[in-house]
Amino acid sequence: KPEAQHETWIKSVLIDTAEWGEYLVSGTELPERLAVDVPEQRATIRPWGALFAPEADVSADLPAALVFTAPPGTPLRAPSDAAWVASAVDRAAYALRATGVAVAVVTDGRWWAVVSADATRSTASGIVDATLWREEDLLRDAFLSLINARRLIAGPDEQRLPALFERSLLQQEEVTEALGTQVRRAVELLVQ
């Protein structure tokens, strides 16, 4: 019974609150091609669900986002106690790189993570605690805005979540370069 409540809560957040509605595909409707084998770890990463655009062919097109679930109480960034010690966030990032999907949502029901990864960049992720949603309405609204269907499958490409992650990484690189230049100048001043 707790497993059913867990799944009901996750579906409620995604379908109703994040407005994924009928575009959330899960269970036996989820294409097997989204499962990722990790032979060196003797493991397979299977998403729990996926968000598809309204016009998408579920049997052929890539989803806008993958969903991975963990048992309640599982720390999403902590090493697993399974044979493959990768965390839930790390497993999601591996699956994103292998499938070419840009974004994943990872949750144990309480903790909710948004993960972005591809073959050319490092993993970006953020985690929020759903037990704070009642008191921290701005946090809740911001997180739900990120994973909202409109942010993932509607609107101009440059306003969708993958583009936001891309811009964030570019800005991070600019800050890193500026800091590197400042450090080099400071060292030059010390050497003189």
Protein backbone atom coordinates (compact mmCIF):
# COMPACT_ATOMS: atom_id res chain seq x y z
CA LYS A 1 0.00 0.00 0.00
CA PRO A 2 2.78 2.55 0.71
CA GLU A 3 4.13 1.95 -2.83
CA ALA A 4 0.72 2.84 -4.29
CA GLN A 5 0.55 6.04 -2.21
CA HIS A 6 4.08 6.91 -3.29
CA GLU A 7 3.19 6.52 -6.96
CA THR A 8 -0.12 8.38 -6.52
CA TRP A 9 1.71 11.34 -4.96
CA ILE A 10 4.32 11.46 -7.75
CA LYS A 11 1.63 11.25 -10.44
CA SER A 12 -0.38 13.95 -8.71
CA VAL A 13 2.57 16.35 -8.67
CA LEU A 14 3.49 15.68 -12.30
CA ILE A 15 0.05 15.31 -13.88
CA ASP A 16 -1.89 17.94 -11.97
CA THR A 17 0.52 20.40 -10.37
CA ALA A 18 3.19 20.46 -13.09
CA GLU A 19 0.44 20.11 -15.72
CA TRP A 20 1.94 17.15 -17.56
CA GLY A 21 -1.54 15.67 -17.86
CA GLU A 22 -1.99 13.07 -20.57
CA TYR A 23 1.54 13.71 -21.89
CA LEU A 24 3.06 11.74 -19.01
CA VAL A 25 3.72 8.21 -20.22
CA SER A 26 4.56 5.58 -17.62
CA GLY A 27 4.32 1.89 -16.85
CA THR A 28 3.86 -0.51 -19.74
CA GLU A 29 3.21 2.38 -22.15
CA LEU A 30 6.80 3.58 -21.73
CA PRO A 31 8.97 2.53 -24.70
CA GLU A 32 11.60 -0.09 -23.84
CA ARG A 33 14.13 1.87 -25.93
CA LEU A 34 14.38 4.41 -23.07
CA ALA A 35 15.95 1.77 -20.80
CA VAL A 36 19.73 2.09 -20.73
CA ASP A 37 22.03 -0.89 -20.22
CA VAL A 38 25.21 -0.28 -18.25
CA PRO A 39 27.08 -3.54 -18.95
CA GLU A 40 30.20 -2.66 -16.95
CA GLN A 41 27.99 -2.34 -13.87
CA ARG A 42 25.64 -5.18 -14.81
CA ALA A 43 22.77 -2.74 -14.46
CA THR A 44 19.91 -1.32 -16.48
CA ILE A 45 18.53 2.16 -15.85
CA ARG A 46 14.79 2.27 -16.47
CA PRO A 47 12.87 5.50 -16.27
CA TRP A 48 9.60 5.38 -14.35
CA GLY A 49 8.00 7.74 -16.85
CA ALA A 50 8.53 10.34 -19.54
CA LEU A 51 6.95 13.57 -20.75
CA PHE A 52 6.21 13.63 -24.47
CA ALA A 53 5.18 16.64 -26.54
CA PRO A 54 1.55 16.56 -27.75
CA GLU A 55 2.57 15.91 -31.36
CA ALA A 56 5.20 13.28 -30.46
CA ASP A 57 5.10 9.69 -31.64
CA VAL A 58 5.79 7.89 -28.35
CA SER A 59 7.11 4.84 -30.18
CA ALA A 60 9.74 6.81 -32.13
CA ASP A 61 10.36 10.34 -30.79
CA LEU A 62 12.47 11.36 -27.83
CA PRO A 63 10.60 12.61 -24.79
CA ALA A 64 11.09 16.13 -23.43
CA ALA A 65 11.95 14.71 -20.01
CA LEU A 66 12.54 11.40 -18.25
CA VAL A 67 11.29 10.63 -14.74
CA PHE A 68 13.15 8.40 -12.30
CA THR A 69 11.81 7.37 -8.93
CA ALA A 70 13.56 6.09 -5.85
CA PRO A 71 12.11 4.43 -2.75
CA PRO A 72 10.92 6.90 -0.11
CA GLY A 73 13.76 8.15 2.06
CA THR A 74 16.45 7.59 -0.58
CA PRO A 75 18.97 10.46 -0.63
CA LEU A 76 19.08 11.44 -4.30
CA ARG A 77 22.78 12.41 -4.32
CA ALA A 78 24.07 9.74 -1.95
CA PRO A 79 25.82 6.63 -3.27
CA SER A 80 23.52 3.67 -3.73
CA ASP A 81 23.94 0.53 -1.68
CA ALA A 82 23.46 -1.57 -4.81
CA ALA A 83 26.32 -3.18 -6.72
CA TRP A 84 26.60 0.01 -8.79
CA VAL A 85 27.07 2.78 -6.23
CA ALA A 86 26.00 5.67 -8.49
CA SER A 87 23.42 7.96 -6.89
CA ALA A 88 19.91 8.41 -8.31
CA VAL A 89 20.98 11.77 -9.81
CA ASP A 90 24.10 10.20 -11.35
CA ARG A 91 22.06 7.36 -12.85
CA ALA A 92 19.63 9.87 -14.35
CA ALA A 93 22.53 11.85 -15.84
CA TYR A 94 23.96 8.65 -17.33
CA ALA A 95 20.57 7.85 -18.88
CA LEU A 96 20.23 11.37 -20.28
CA ARG A 97 23.60 11.11 -21.99
CA ALA A 98 22.82 7.66 -23.37
CA THR A 99 19.35 8.53 -24.70
CA GLY A 100 19.92 12.10 -25.82
CA VAL A 101 17.06 13.40 -23.67
CA ALA A 102 18.00 16.76 -22.15
CA VAL A 103 16.19 16.80 -18.78
CA ALA A 104 15.16 14.40 -16.04
CA VAL A 105 13.11 14.66 -12.89
CA VAL A 106 14.27 12.39 -10.07
CA THR A 107 12.23 11.92 -6.91
CA ASP A 108 11.68 9.77 -3.87
CA GLY A 109 8.43 11.63 -3.24
CA ARG A 110 9.88 14.03 -0.70
CA TRP A 111 13.02 15.15 -2.50
CA TRP A 112 12.64 16.35 -6.10
CA ALA A 113 15.60 16.89 -8.43
CA VAL A 114 15.88 18.41 -11.87
CA VAL A 115 18.85 17.04 -13.79
CA SER A 116 20.38 18.16 -17.08
CA ALA A 117 23.24 16.37 -18.81
CA ASP A 118 24.56 15.64 -22.26
CA ALA A 119 27.74 14.27 -23.78
CA THR A 120 29.41 17.70 -24.01
CA ARG A 121 28.76 19.21 -20.56
CA SER A 122 28.95 18.39 -16.91
CA THR A 123 25.80 17.47 -15.05
CA ALA A 124 23.64 20.28 -13.69
CA SER A 125 21.10 19.50 -11.00
CA GLY A 126 19.07 21.03 -8.24
CA ILE A 127 17.09 19.39 -5.44
CA VAL A 128 14.14 20.70 -3.43
CA ASP A 129 12.34 19.29 -0.39
CA ALA A 130 8.59 18.89 -0.94
CA THR A 131 7.93 19.01 2.80
CA LEU A 132 8.77 22.73 2.60
CA TRP A 133 6.30 23.48 -0.19
CA ARG A 134 3.53 24.49 2.20
CA GLU A 135 5.68 27.05 4.06
CA GLU A 136 7.96 28.06 1.19
CA ASP A 137 5.45 28.85 -1.53
CA LEU A 138 7.99 30.77 -3.65
CA LEU A 139 10.32 27.77 -3.64
CA ARG A 140 7.45 25.45 -4.57
CA ASP A 141 6.23 27.76 -7.33
CA ALA A 142 9.74 28.22 -8.74
CA PHE A 143 10.41 24.49 -8.82
CA LEU A 144 7.03 23.66 -10.35
CA SER A 145 7.58 26.39 -12.92
CA LEU A 146 10.82 24.67 -13.96
CA ILE A 147 9.20 21.27 -14.45
CA ASN A 148 5.91 22.62 -15.80
CA ALA A 149 4.85 21.13 -19.13
CA ARG A 150 4.85 24.59 -20.71
CA ARG A 151 8.53 25.00 -19.78
CA LEU A 152 9.39 21.60 -21.26
CA ILE A 153 7.19 21.10 -24.33
CA ALA A 154 5.56 24.43 -25.25
CA GLY A 155 6.65 27.90 -26.14
CA PRO A 156 9.75 29.11 -27.93
CA ASP A 157 12.78 26.81 -27.73
CA GLU A 158 14.88 29.54 -26.08
CA GLN A 159 12.44 29.64 -23.14
CA ARG A 160 12.37 25.90 -22.54
CA LEU A 161 14.26 24.32 -19.66
CA PRO A 162 17.13 22.82 -21.73
CA ALA A 163 17.89 26.30 -23.14
CA LEU A 164 17.83 27.77 -19.61
CA PHE A 165 20.37 25.17 -18.48
CA GLU A 166 22.53 25.95 -21.52
CA ARG A 167 22.48 29.70 -20.82
CA SER A 168 23.26 29.08 -17.16
CA LEU A 169 26.32 26.99 -18.07
CA LEU A 170 27.54 29.64 -20.52
CA GLN A 171 27.22 32.34 -17.87
CA GLN A 172 29.08 30.13 -15.41
CA GLU A 173 31.92 29.77 -17.94
CA GLU A 174 32.05 33.56 -18.40
CA VAL A 175 32.34 34.09 -14.64
CA THR A 176 35.07 31.44 -14.42
CA GLU A 177 37.03 33.08 -17.25
CA ALA A 178 36.69 36.54 -15.63
CA LEU A 179 37.90 35.17 -12.29
CA GLY A 180 40.85 33.48 -14.00
CA THR A 181 41.84 36.75 -15.64
CA GLN A 182 41.62 38.58 -12.30
CA VAL A 183 43.76 35.96 -10.55
CA ARG A 184 46.38 36.11 -13.32
CA ARG A 185 46.55 39.92 -13.05
CA ALA A 186 46.87 39.69 -9.25
CA VAL A 187 49.73 37.19 -9.57
CA GLU A 188 51.45 39.47 -12.12
CA LEU A 189 51.21 42.37 -9.66
CA LEU A 190 52.71 40.24 -6.88
CA VAL A 191 55.55 39.07 -9.10
CA GLN A 192 56.51 42.64 -10.10
